[in-house]
Amino acid sequence: MSHTTAFDALLEDLPGDWSFFECYVALDEPERLTEARVALARANARPLYGAGDHDFAITVANTSGHGARTGVVRSALKLLDDLGIRGRTWLGETRTTLRPAPPHRYGP
């Protein structure tokens, strides 16, 4: 399964009120890690250093909050597919119903 197909399936399974979630990407070919870093840079993917079950973590935001928008993440994952970098993409922790803090008001 391609990275974009897996990502689209993740989005379909999310509840309607999700705020942001972690998306994990693991590569089948570790020698292509540098290419993947460049392709995923637009989505602010965080490379994993040390032992773990994934190579990158991407925070995906819905309408507000921190993280990359779904279209940006999908385009970065499509770059992986276009480059032929195989691997798997799966869902991490999902947060729901988080809203931005109200603006701070100075004065009385």
PDB file of N, CA and C in Angstrom:
ATOM      1  N   MET A   1       0.845  -1.176   0.000  1.00  0.00           N
ATOM      2  CA  MET A   1       0.000   0.000   0.000  1.00  0.00           C
ATOM      3  C   MET A   1       0.891   1.240   0.000  1.00  0.00           C
ATOM      4  N   SER A   2       0.531   2.201  -0.808  1.00  0.00           N
ATOM      5  CA  SER A   2       1.328   3.421  -0.882  1.00  0.00           C
ATOM      6  C   SER A   2       1.108   4.280   0.363  1.00  0.00           C
ATOM      7  N   HIS A   3       2.022   5.217   0.574  1.00  0.00           N
ATOM      8  CA  HIS A   3       1.916   6.100   1.738  1.00  0.00           C
ATOM      9  C   HIS A   3       0.659   6.971   1.647  1.00  0.00           C
ATOM     10  N   THR A   4       0.344   7.489   0.455  1.00  0.00           N
ATOM     11  CA  THR A   4      -0.828   8.354   0.323  1.00  0.00           C
ATOM     12  C   THR A   4      -2.128   7.574   0.507  1.00  0.00           C
ATOM     13  N   THR A   5      -2.186   6.344   0.023  1.00  0.00           N
ATOM     14  CA  THR A   5      -3.378   5.522   0.214  1.00  0.00           C
ATOM     15  C   THR A   5      -3.588   5.228   1.688  1.00  0.00           C
ATOM     16  N   ALA A   6      -2.509   4.910   2.397  1.00  0.00           N
ATOM     17  CA  ALA A   6      -2.613   4.645   3.835  1.00  0.00           C
ATOM     18  C   ALA A   6      -3.045   5.902   4.583  1.00  0.00           C
ATOM     19  N   PHE A   7      -2.510   7.064   4.194  1.00  0.00           N
ATOM     20  CA  PHE A   7      -2.866   8.318   4.849  1.00  0.00           C
ATOM     21  C   PHE A   7      -4.337   8.654   4.606  1.00  0.00           C
ATOM     22  N   ASP A   8      -4.817   8.471   3.382  1.00  0.00           N
ATOM     23  CA  ASP A   8      -6.232   8.724   3.076  1.00  0.00           C
ATOM     24  C   ASP A   8      -7.138   7.812   3.894  1.00  0.00           C
ATOM     25  N   ALA A   9      -6.721   6.562   4.077  1.00  0.00           N
ATOM     26  CA  ALA A   9      -7.506   5.634   4.896  1.00  0.00           C
ATOM     27  C   ALA A   9      -7.531   6.077   6.361  1.00  0.00           C
ATOM     28  N   LEU A  10      -6.409   6.616   6.836  1.00  0.00           N
ATOM     29  CA  LEU A  10      -6.370   7.131   8.212  1.00  0.00           C
ATOM     30  C   LEU A  10      -7.362   8.271   8.390  1.00  0.00           C
ATOM     31  N   LEU A  11      -7.389   9.186   7.437  1.00  0.00           N
ATOM     32  CA  LEU A  11      -8.285  10.333   7.530  1.00  0.00           C
ATOM     33  C   LEU A  11      -9.749   9.918   7.530  1.00  0.00           C
ATOM     34  N   GLU A  12     -10.086   8.881   6.783  1.00  0.00           N
ATOM     35  CA  GLU A  12     -11.467   8.403   6.735  1.00  0.00           C
ATOM     36  C   GLU A  12     -11.915   7.818   8.069  1.00  0.00           C
ATOM     37  N   ASP A  13     -10.973   7.235   8.815  1.00  0.00           N
ATOM     38  CA  ASP A  13     -11.315   6.575  10.074  1.00  0.00           C
ATOM     39  C   ASP A  13     -11.350   7.515  11.272  1.00  0.00           C
ATOM     40  N   LEU A  14     -10.921   8.764  11.104  1.00  0.00           N
ATOM     41  CA  LEU A  14     -10.879   9.698  12.223  1.00  0.00           C
ATOM     42  C   LEU A  14     -12.274  10.203  12.578  1.00  0.00           C
ATOM     43  N   PRO A  15     -12.501  10.511  13.869  1.00  0.00           N
ATOM     44  CA  PRO A  15     -13.784  11.120  14.238  1.00  0.00           C
ATOM     45  C   PRO A  15     -13.886  12.524  13.654  1.00  0.00           C
ATOM     46  N   GLY A  16     -15.088  13.048  13.573  1.00  0.00           N
ATOM     47  CA  GLY A  16     -15.306  14.341  12.956  1.00  0.00           C
ATOM     48  C   GLY A  16     -14.724  15.515  13.721  1.00  0.00           C
ATOM     49  N   ASP A  17     -14.467  15.349  15.009  1.00  0.00           N
ATOM     50  CA  ASP A  17     -13.998  16.470  15.821  1.00  0.00           C
ATOM     51  C   ASP A  17     -12.517  16.368  16.176  1.00  0.00           C
ATOM     52  N   TRP A  18     -11.730  15.710  15.356  1.00  0.00           N
ATOM     53  CA  TRP A  18     -10.314  15.578  15.679  1.00  0.00           C
ATOM     54  C   TRP A  18      -9.610  16.924  15.527  1.00  0.00           C
ATOM     55  N   SER A  19      -8.649  17.144  16.401  1.00  0.00           N
ATOM     56  CA  SER A  19      -7.870  18.383  16.355  1.00  0.00           C
ATOM     57  C   SER A  19      -6.511  18.143  15.718  1.00  0.00           C
ATOM     58  N   PHE A  20      -5.795  17.152  16.227  1.00  0.00           N
ATOM     59  CA  PHE A  20      -4.533  16.777  15.605  1.00  0.00           C
ATOM     60  C   PHE A  20      -4.198  15.344  15.969  1.00  0.00           C
ATOM     61  N   PHE A  21      -3.314  14.742  15.175  1.00  0.00           N
ATOM     62  CA  PHE A  21      -2.872  13.372  15.438  1.00  0.00           C
ATOM     63  C   PHE A  21      -1.435  13.206  14.994  1.00  0.00           C
ATOM     64  N   GLU A  22      -0.842  12.153  15.499  1.00  0.00           N
ATOM     65  CA  GLU A  22       0.512  11.784  15.097  1.00  0.00           C
ATOM     66  C   GLU A  22       0.417  10.748  13.980  1.00  0.00           C
ATOM     67  N   CYS A  23       1.184  10.959  12.950  1.00  0.00           N
ATOM     68  CA  CYS A  23       1.280  10.034  11.824  1.00  0.00           C
ATOM     69  C   CYS A  23       2.716   9.506  11.817  1.00  0.00           C
ATOM     70  N   TYR A  24       2.865   8.203  11.798  1.00  0.00           N
ATOM     71  CA  TYR A  24       4.198   7.596  11.820  1.00  0.00           C
ATOM     72  C   TYR A  24       4.516   6.992  10.472  1.00  0.00           C
ATOM     73  N   VAL A  25       5.767   7.129  10.066  1.00  0.00           N
ATOM     74  CA  VAL A  25       6.241   6.587   8.799  1.00  0.00           C
ATOM     75  C   VAL A  25       7.483   5.759   9.066  1.00  0.00           C
ATOM     76  N   ALA A  26       7.484   4.525   8.595  1.00  0.00           N
ATOM     77  CA  ALA A  26       8.651   3.643   8.675  1.00  0.00           C
ATOM     78  C   ALA A  26       9.055   3.270   7.251  1.00  0.00           C
ATOM     79  N   LEU A  27      10.338   3.279   6.992  1.00  0.00           N
ATOM     80  CA  LEU A  27      10.855   2.974   5.657  1.00  0.00           C
ATOM     81  C   LEU A  27      11.312   1.529   5.578  1.00  0.00           C
ATOM     82  N   ASP A  28      11.109   0.917   4.420  1.00  0.00           N
ATOM     83  CA  ASP A  28      11.603  -0.444   4.186  1.00  0.00           C
ATOM     84  C   ASP A  28      13.079  -0.444   3.819  1.00  0.00           C
ATOM     85  N   GLU A  29      13.567   0.689   3.295  1.00  0.00           N
ATOM     86  CA  GLU A  29      14.950   0.785   2.843  1.00  0.00           C
ATOM     87  C   GLU A  29      15.671   1.884   3.628  1.00  0.00           C
ATOM     88  N   PRO A  30      16.382   1.537   4.693  1.00  0.00           N
ATOM     89  CA  PRO A  30      17.042   2.564   5.500  1.00  0.00           C
ATOM     90  C   PRO A  30      18.095   3.360   4.743  1.00  0.00           C
ATOM     91  N   GLU A  31      18.629   2.813   3.661  1.00  0.00           N
ATOM     92  CA  GLU A  31      19.633   3.553   2.895  1.00  0.00           C
ATOM     93  C   GLU A  31      19.028   4.754   2.159  1.00  0.00           C
ATOM     94  N   ARG A  32      17.712   4.846   2.101  1.00  0.00           N
ATOM     95  CA  ARG A  32      17.046   5.972   1.444  1.00  0.00           C
ATOM     96  C   ARG A  32      16.508   6.984   2.458  1.00  0.00           C
ATOM     97  N   LEU A  33      17.032   6.923   3.667  1.00  0.00           N
ATOM     98  CA  LEU A  33      16.578   7.796   4.741  1.00  0.00           C
ATOM     99  C   LEU A  33      16.806   9.276   4.419  1.00  0.00           C
ATOM    100  N   THR A  34      17.931   9.605   3.805  1.00  0.00           N
ATOM    101  CA  THR A  34      18.228  10.997   3.472  1.00  0.00           C
ATOM    102  C   THR A  34      17.234  11.540   2.455  1.00  0.00           C
ATOM    103  N   GLU A  35      16.904  10.761   1.449  1.00  0.00           N
ATOM    104  CA  GLU A  35      15.908  11.188   0.461  1.00  0.00           C
ATOM    105  C   GLU A  35      14.553  11.402   1.120  1.00  0.00           C
ATOM    106  N   ALA A  36      14.211  10.520   2.031  1.00  0.00           N
ATOM    107  CA  ALA A  36      12.927  10.639   2.722  1.00  0.00           C
ATOM    108  C   ALA A  36      12.886  11.884   3.602  1.00  0.00           C
ATOM    109  N   ARG A  37      14.000  12.219   4.235  1.00  0.00           N
ATOM    110  CA  ARG A  37      14.051  13.433   5.054  1.00  0.00           C
ATOM    111  C   ARG A  37      13.758  14.671   4.224  1.00  0.00           C
ATOM    112  N   VAL A  38      14.333  14.731   3.045  1.00  0.00           N
ATOM    113  CA  VAL A  38      14.111  15.880   2.168  1.00  0.00           C
ATOM    114  C   VAL A  38      12.653  15.914   1.711  1.00  0.00           C
ATOM    115  N   ALA A  39      12.105  14.763   1.344  1.00  0.00           N
ATOM    116  CA  ALA A  39      10.723  14.710   0.860  1.00  0.00           C
ATOM    117  C   ALA A  39       9.728  15.085   1.956  1.00  0.00           C
ATOM    118  N   LEU A  40      10.013  14.701   3.197  1.00  0.00           N
ATOM    119  CA  LEU A  40       9.077  14.946   4.295  1.00  0.00           C
ATOM    120  C   LEU A  40       9.317  16.266   5.019  1.00  0.00           C
ATOM    121  N   ALA A  41      10.315  17.026   4.591  1.00  0.00           N
ATOM    122  CA  ALA A  41      10.643  18.281   5.270  1.00  0.00           C
ATOM    123  C   ALA A  41       9.484  19.268   5.226  1.00  0.00           C
ATOM    124  N   ARG A  42       8.734  19.303   4.135  1.00  0.00           N
ATOM    125  CA  ARG A  42       7.622  20.255   4.025  1.00  0.00           C
ATOM    126  C   ARG A  42       6.535  19.997   5.060  1.00  0.00           C
ATOM    127  N   ALA A  43       6.447  18.768   5.584  1.00  0.00           N
ATOM    128  CA  ALA A  43       5.438  18.428   6.592  1.00  0.00           C
ATOM    129  C   ALA A  43       5.999  18.499   8.012  1.00  0.00           C
ATOM    130  N   ASN A  44       7.222  19.031   8.150  1.00  0.00           N
ATOM    131  CA  ASN A  44       7.887  19.119   9.459  1.00  0.00           C
ATOM    132  C   ASN A  44       7.985  17.763  10.152  1.00  0.00           C
ATOM    133  N   ALA A  45       8.347  16.751   9.378  1.00  0.00           N
ATOM    134  CA  ALA A  45       8.511  15.410   9.940  1.00  0.00           C
ATOM    135  C   ALA A  45       9.717  15.394  10.873  1.00  0.00           C
ATOM    136  N   ARG A  46       9.529  14.761  12.023  1.00  0.00           N
ATOM    137  CA  ARG A  46      10.609  14.644  12.998  1.00  0.00           C
ATOM    138  C   ARG A  46      11.250  13.270  12.861  1.00  0.00           C
ATOM    139  N   PRO A  47      12.536  13.222  12.511  1.00  0.00           N
ATOM    140  CA  PRO A  47      13.187  11.914  12.413  1.00  0.00           C
ATOM    141  C   PRO A  47      13.385  11.325  13.794  1.00  0.00           C
ATOM    142  N   LEU A  48      13.313  10.018  13.864  1.00  0.00           N
ATOM    143  CA  LEU A  48      13.507   9.315  15.122  1.00  0.00           C
ATOM    144  C   LEU A  48      14.970   8.929  15.231  1.00  0.00           C
ATOM    145  N   TYR A  49      15.569   9.261  16.333  1.00  0.00           N
ATOM    146  CA  TYR A  49      16.946   8.864  16.602  1.00  0.00           C
ATOM    147  C   TYR A  49      16.927   7.834  17.714  1.00  0.00           C
ATOM    148  N   GLY A  50      17.479   6.671  17.459  1.00  0.00           N
ATOM    149  CA  GLY A  50      17.495   5.615  18.465  1.00  0.00           C
ATOM    150  C   GLY A  50      16.524   4.510  18.093  1.00  0.00           C
ATOM    151  N   ALA A  51      16.311   3.634  19.040  1.00  0.00           N
ATOM    152  CA  ALA A  51      15.447   2.467  18.806  1.00  0.00           C
ATOM    153  C   ALA A  51      13.984   2.900  18.776  1.00  0.00           C
ATOM    154  N   GLY A  52      13.223   2.304  17.885  1.00  0.00           N
ATOM    155  CA  GLY A  52      11.799   2.596  17.781  1.00  0.00           C
ATOM    156  C   GLY A  52      11.202   1.845  16.613  1.00  0.00           C
ATOM    157  N   ASP A  53       9.878   1.924  16.483  1.00  0.00           N
ATOM    158  CA  ASP A  53       9.213   1.196  15.409  1.00  0.00           C
ATOM    159  C   ASP A  53       8.908   2.075  14.204  1.00  0.00           C
ATOM    160  N   HIS A  54       9.376   3.331  14.215  1.00  0.00           N
ATOM    161  CA  HIS A  54       9.148   4.211  13.075  1.00  0.00           C
ATOM    162  C   HIS A  54      10.370   5.098  12.859  1.00  0.00           C
ATOM    163  N   ASP A  55      10.467   5.642  11.651  1.00  0.00           N
ATOM    164  CA  ASP A  55      11.587   6.511  11.300  1.00  0.00           C
ATOM    165  C   ASP A  55      11.233   7.985  11.407  1.00  0.00           C
ATOM    166  N   PHE A  56       9.944   8.322  11.203  1.00  0.00           N
ATOM    167  CA  PHE A  56       9.501   9.711  11.249  1.00  0.00           C
ATOM    168  C   PHE A  56       8.173   9.817  11.981  1.00  0.00           C
ATOM    169  N   ALA A  57       7.975  10.942  12.655  1.00  0.00           N
ATOM    170  CA  ALA A  57       6.688  11.280  13.252  1.00  0.00           C
ATOM    171  C   ALA A  57       6.263  12.634  12.684  1.00  0.00           C
ATOM    172  N   ILE A  58       5.003  12.717  12.272  1.00  0.00           N
ATOM    173  CA  ILE A  58       4.465  13.952  11.705  1.00  0.00           C
ATOM    174  C   ILE A  58       3.212  14.311  12.494  1.00  0.00           C
ATOM    175  N   THR A  59       3.146  15.536  12.991  1.00  0.00           N
ATOM    176  CA  THR A  59       1.943  16.007  13.653  1.00  0.00           C
ATOM    177  C   THR A  59       1.048  16.652  12.597  1.00  0.00           C
ATOM    178  N   VAL A  60      -0.189  16.157  12.502  1.00  0.00           N
ATOM    179  CA  VAL A  60      -1.141  16.626  11.498  1.00  0.00           C
ATOM    180  C   VAL A  60      -2.255  17.371  12.217  1.00  0.00           C
ATOM    181  N   ALA A  61      -2.499  18.628  11.826  1.00  0.00           N
ATOM    182  CA  ALA A  61      -3.544  19.447  12.438  1.00  0.00           C
ATOM    183  C   ALA A  61      -4.756  19.534  11.526  1.00  0.00           C
ATOM    184  N   ASN A  62      -5.925  19.660  12.138  1.00  0.00           N
ATOM    185  CA  ASN A  62      -7.161  19.757  11.378  1.00  0.00           C
ATOM    186  C   ASN A  62      -7.422  21.200  10.958  1.00  0.00           C
ATOM    187  N   THR A  63      -7.952  22.017  11.846  1.00  0.00           N
ATOM    188  CA  THR A  63      -8.244  23.408  11.499  1.00  0.00           C
ATOM    189  C   THR A  63      -7.459  24.398  12.343  1.00  0.00           C
ATOM    190  N   SER A  64      -7.036  24.009  13.523  1.00  0.00           N
ATOM    191  CA  SER A  64      -6.262  24.898  14.384  1.00  0.00           C
ATOM    192  C   SER A  64      -5.326  24.046  15.229  1.00  0.00           C
ATOM    193  N   GLY A  65      -4.406  24.703  15.889  1.00  0.00           N
ATOM    194  CA  GLY A  65      -3.451  23.976  16.700  1.00  0.00           C
ATOM    195  C   GLY A  65      -2.125  23.850  15.984  1.00  0.00           C
ATOM    196  N   HIS A  66      -1.258  23.040  16.558  1.00  0.00           N
ATOM    197  CA  HIS A  66       0.068  22.883  15.958  1.00  0.00           C
ATOM    198  C   HIS A  66       0.078  21.656  15.066  1.00  0.00           C
ATOM    199  N   GLY A  67       0.863  21.726  14.021  1.00  0.00           N
ATOM    200  CA  GLY A  67       0.976  20.612  13.096  1.00  0.00           C
ATOM    201  C   GLY A  67       0.746  21.062  11.673  1.00  0.00           C
ATOM    202  N   ALA A  68       1.088  20.195  10.741  1.00  0.00           N
ATOM    203  CA  ALA A  68       0.919  20.474   9.317  1.00  0.00           C
ATOM    204  C   ALA A  68      -0.497  20.112   8.885  1.00  0.00           C
ATOM    205  N   ARG A  69      -1.035  20.828   7.931  1.00  0.00           N
ATOM    206  CA  ARG A  69      -2.372  20.538   7.416  1.00  0.00           C
ATOM    207  C   ARG A  69      -2.342  19.242   6.613  1.00  0.00           C
ATOM    208  N   THR A  70      -3.500  18.631   6.460  1.00  0.00           N
ATOM    209  CA  THR A  70      -3.587  17.327   5.808  1.00  0.00           C
ATOM    210  C   THR A  70      -3.088  17.362   4.364  1.00  0.00           C
ATOM    211  N   GLY A  71      -3.374  18.440   3.640  1.00  0.00           N
ATOM    212  CA  GLY A  71      -2.919  18.538   2.253  1.00  0.00           C
ATOM    213  C   GLY A  71      -1.406  18.586   2.134  1.00  0.00           C
ATOM    214  N   VAL A  72      -0.758  19.265   3.070  1.00  0.00           N
ATOM    215  CA  VAL A  72       0.701  19.358   3.060  1.00  0.00           C
ATOM    216  C   VAL A  72       1.312  17.992   3.358  1.00  0.00           C
ATOM    217  N   VAL A  73       0.757  17.302   4.351  1.00  0.00           N
ATOM    218  CA  VAL A  73       1.278  15.971   4.700  1.00  0.00           C
ATOM    219  C   VAL A  73       1.062  15.000   3.552  1.00  0.00           C
ATOM    220  N   ARG A  74      -0.113  15.067   2.941  1.00  0.00           N
ATOM    221  CA  ARG A  74      -0.395  14.159   1.816  1.00  0.00           C
ATOM    222  C   ARG A  74       0.572  14.418   0.662  1.00  0.00           C
ATOM    223  N   SER A  75       0.877  15.692   0.383  1.00  0.00           N
ATOM    224  CA  SER A  75       1.805  15.984  -0.712  1.00  0.00           C
ATOM    225  C   SER A  75       3.218  15.496  -0.388  1.00  0.00           C
ATOM    226  N   ALA A  76       3.624  15.573   0.873  1.00  0.00           N
ATOM    227  CA  ALA A  76       4.944  15.058   1.258  1.00  0.00           C
ATOM    228  C   ALA A  76       4.984  13.534   1.126  1.00  0.00           C
ATOM    229  N   LEU A  77       3.909  12.874   1.525  1.00  0.00           N
ATOM    230  CA  LEU A  77       3.863  11.409   1.395  1.00  0.00           C
ATOM    231  C   LEU A  77       3.798  10.994  -0.079  1.00  0.00           C
ATOM    232  N   LYS A  78       3.154  11.817  -0.903  1.00  0.00           N
ATOM    233  CA  LYS A  78       3.125  11.521  -2.343  1.00  0.00           C
ATOM    234  C   LYS A  78       4.525  11.611  -2.939  1.00  0.00           C
ATOM    235  N   LEU A  79       5.336  12.535  -2.430  1.00  0.00           N
ATOM    236  CA  LEU A  79       6.726  12.597  -2.884  1.00  0.00           C
ATOM    237  C   LEU A  79       7.459  11.289  -2.593  1.00  0.00           C
ATOM    238  N   LEU A  80       7.211  10.718  -1.416  1.00  0.00           N
ATOM    239  CA  LEU A  80       7.819   9.417  -1.104  1.00  0.00           C
ATOM    240  C   LEU A  80       7.378   8.367  -2.121  1.00  0.00           C
ATOM    241  N   ASP A  81       6.074   8.354  -2.418  1.00  0.00           N
ATOM    242  CA  ASP A  81       5.557   7.392  -3.397  1.00  0.00           C
ATOM    243  C   ASP A  81       6.167   7.619  -4.778  1.00  0.00           C
ATOM    244  N   ASP A  82       6.279   8.879  -5.188  1.00  0.00           N
ATOM    245  CA  ASP A  82       6.836   9.194  -6.505  1.00  0.00           C
ATOM    246  C   ASP A  82       8.310   8.809  -6.608  1.00  0.00           C
ATOM    247  N   LEU A  83       9.025   8.909  -5.483  1.00  0.00           N
ATOM    248  CA  LEU A  83      10.440   8.517  -5.465  1.00  0.00           C
ATOM    249  C   LEU A  83      10.635   7.008  -5.340  1.00  0.00           C
ATOM    250  N   GLY A  84       9.545   6.290  -5.102  1.00  0.00           N
ATOM    251  CA  GLY A  84       9.633   4.836  -4.958  1.00  0.00           C
ATOM    252  C   GLY A  84      10.165   4.399  -3.607  1.00  0.00           C
ATOM    253  N   ILE A  85      10.036   5.254  -2.607  1.00  0.00           N
ATOM    254  CA  ILE A  85      10.495   4.909  -1.254  1.00  0.00           C
ATOM    255  C   ILE A  85       9.353   4.176  -0.559  1.00  0.00           C
ATOM    256  N   ARG A  86       9.531   2.891  -0.385  1.00  0.00           N
ATOM    257  CA  ARG A  86       8.486   2.055   0.199  1.00  0.00           C
ATOM    258  C   ARG A  86       8.575   2.061   1.715  1.00  0.00           C
ATOM    259  N   GLY A  87       7.464   1.739   2.322  1.00  0.00           N
ATOM    260  CA  GLY A  87       7.392   1.665   3.773  1.00  0.00           C
ATOM    261  C   GLY A  87       5.944   1.576   4.204  1.00  0.00           C
ATOM    262  N   ARG A  88       5.706   1.942   5.442  1.00  0.00           N
ATOM    263  CA  ARG A  88       4.329   1.925   5.927  1.00  0.00           C
ATOM    264  C   ARG A  88       4.053   3.207   6.703  1.00  0.00           C
ATOM    265  N   THR A  89       2.788   3.591   6.690  1.00  0.00           N
ATOM    266  CA  THR A  89       2.322   4.797   7.357  1.00  0.00           C
ATOM    267  C   THR A  89       1.142   4.405   8.228  1.00  0.00           C
ATOM    268  N   TRP A  90       1.155   4.845   9.498  1.00  0.00           N
ATOM    269  CA  TRP A  90       0.051   4.483  10.378  1.00  0.00           C
ATOM    270  C   TRP A  90      -0.244   5.600  11.368  1.00  0.00           C
ATOM    271  N   LEU A  91      -1.354   5.450  12.033  1.00  0.00           N
ATOM    272  CA  LEU A  91      -1.881   6.454  12.949  1.00  0.00           C
ATOM    273  C   LEU A  91      -1.317   6.277  14.342  1.00  0.00           C
ATOM    274  N   GLY A  92      -0.954   7.395  14.948  1.00  0.00           N
ATOM    275  CA  GLY A  92      -0.533   7.401  16.342  1.00  0.00           C
ATOM    276  C   GLY A  92      -1.662   7.933  17.211  1.00  0.00           C
ATOM    277  N   GLU A  93      -1.308   8.703  18.204  1.00  0.00           N
ATOM    278  CA  GLU A  93      -2.299   9.251  19.127  1.00  0.00           C
ATOM    279  C   GLU A  93      -3.112  10.350  18.455  1.00  0.00           C
ATOM    280  N   THR A  94      -4.430  10.339  18.692  1.00  0.00           N
ATOM    281  CA  THR A  94      -5.338  11.338  18.142  1.00  0.00           C
ATOM    282  C   THR A  94      -5.923  12.162  19.284  1.00  0.00           C
ATOM    283  N   ARG A  95      -5.962  13.460  19.108  1.00  0.00           N
ATOM    284  CA  ARG A  95      -6.588  14.353  20.095  1.00  0.00           C
ATOM    285  C   ARG A  95      -7.823  14.968  19.460  1.00  0.00           C
ATOM    286  N   THR A  96      -8.872  15.112  20.244  1.00  0.00           N
ATOM    287  CA  THR A  96     -10.122  15.670  19.733  1.00  0.00           C
ATOM    288  C   THR A  96     -10.566  16.863  20.562  1.00  0.00           C
ATOM    289  N   THR A  97     -11.409  17.668  19.980  1.00  0.00           N
ATOM    290  CA  THR A  97     -12.079  18.823  20.582  1.00  0.00           C
ATOM    291  C   THR A  97     -11.150  19.798  21.290  1.00  0.00           C
ATOM    292  N   LEU A  98      -9.951  19.966  20.815  1.00  0.00           N
ATOM    293  CA  LEU A  98      -9.076  21.006  21.351  1.00  0.00           C
ATOM    294  C   LEU A  98      -9.297  22.270  20.542  1.00  0.00           C
ATOM    295  N   ARG A  99      -9.519  23.339  21.228  1.00  0.00           N
ATOM    296  CA  ARG A  99      -9.749  24.614  20.557  1.00  0.00           C
ATOM    297  C   ARG A  99      -8.643  25.582  20.937  1.00  0.00           C
ATOM    298  N   PRO A 100      -8.373  26.561  20.095  1.00  0.00           N
ATOM    299  CA  PRO A 100      -7.333  27.530  20.442  1.00  0.00           C
ATOM    300  C   PRO A 100      -7.746  28.344  21.663  1.00  0.00           C
ATOM    301  N   ALA A 101      -6.763  28.778  22.427  1.00  0.00           N
ATOM    302  CA  ALA A 101      -7.046  29.596  23.592  1.00  0.00           C
ATOM    303  C   ALA A 101      -7.579  30.948  23.148  1.00  0.00           C
ATOM    304  N   PRO A 102      -8.446  31.543  23.947  1.00  0.00           N
ATOM    305  CA  PRO A 102      -8.950  32.865  23.564  1.00  0.00           C
ATOM    306  C   PRO A 102      -7.819  33.880  23.630  1.00  0.00           C
ATOM    307  N   PRO A 103      -7.912  34.954  22.857  1.00  0.00           N
ATOM    308  CA  PRO A 103      -6.844  35.958  22.893  1.00  0.00           C
ATOM    309  C   PRO A 103      -6.758  36.588  24.270  1.00  0.00           C
ATOM    310  N   HIS A 104      -5.535  36.867  24.679  1.00  0.00           N
ATOM    311  CA  HIS A 104      -5.336  37.471  25.988  1.00  0.00           C
ATOM    312  C   HIS A 104      -5.746  38.940  25.934  1.00  0.00           C
ATOM    313  N   ARG A 105      -6.422  39.342  26.968  1.00  0.00           N
ATOM    314  CA  ARG A 105      -6.884  40.733  27.005  1.00  0.00           C
ATOM    315  C   ARG A 105      -6.061  41.493  28.044  1.00  0.00           C
ATOM    316  N   TYR A 106      -5.446  42.565  27.608  1.00  0.00           N
ATOM    317  CA  TYR A 106      -4.664  43.411  28.509  1.00  0.00           C
ATOM    318  C   TYR A 106      -5.536  44.541  29.041  1.00  0.00           C
ATOM    319  N   GLY A 107      -5.325  44.896  30.262  1.00  0.00           N
ATOM    320  CA  GLY A 107      -6.049  46.019  30.841  1.00  0.00           C
ATOM    321  C   GLY A 107      -7.290  45.602  31.583  1.00  0.00           C
ATOM    322  N   PRO A 108      -8.062  46.583  32.068  1.00  0.00           N
ATOM    323  CA  PRO A 108      -9.258  46.272  32.869  1.00  0.00           C
ATOM    324  C   PRO A 108     -10.410  45.747  32.063  1.00  0.00           C
TER     325      PRO A 108
END
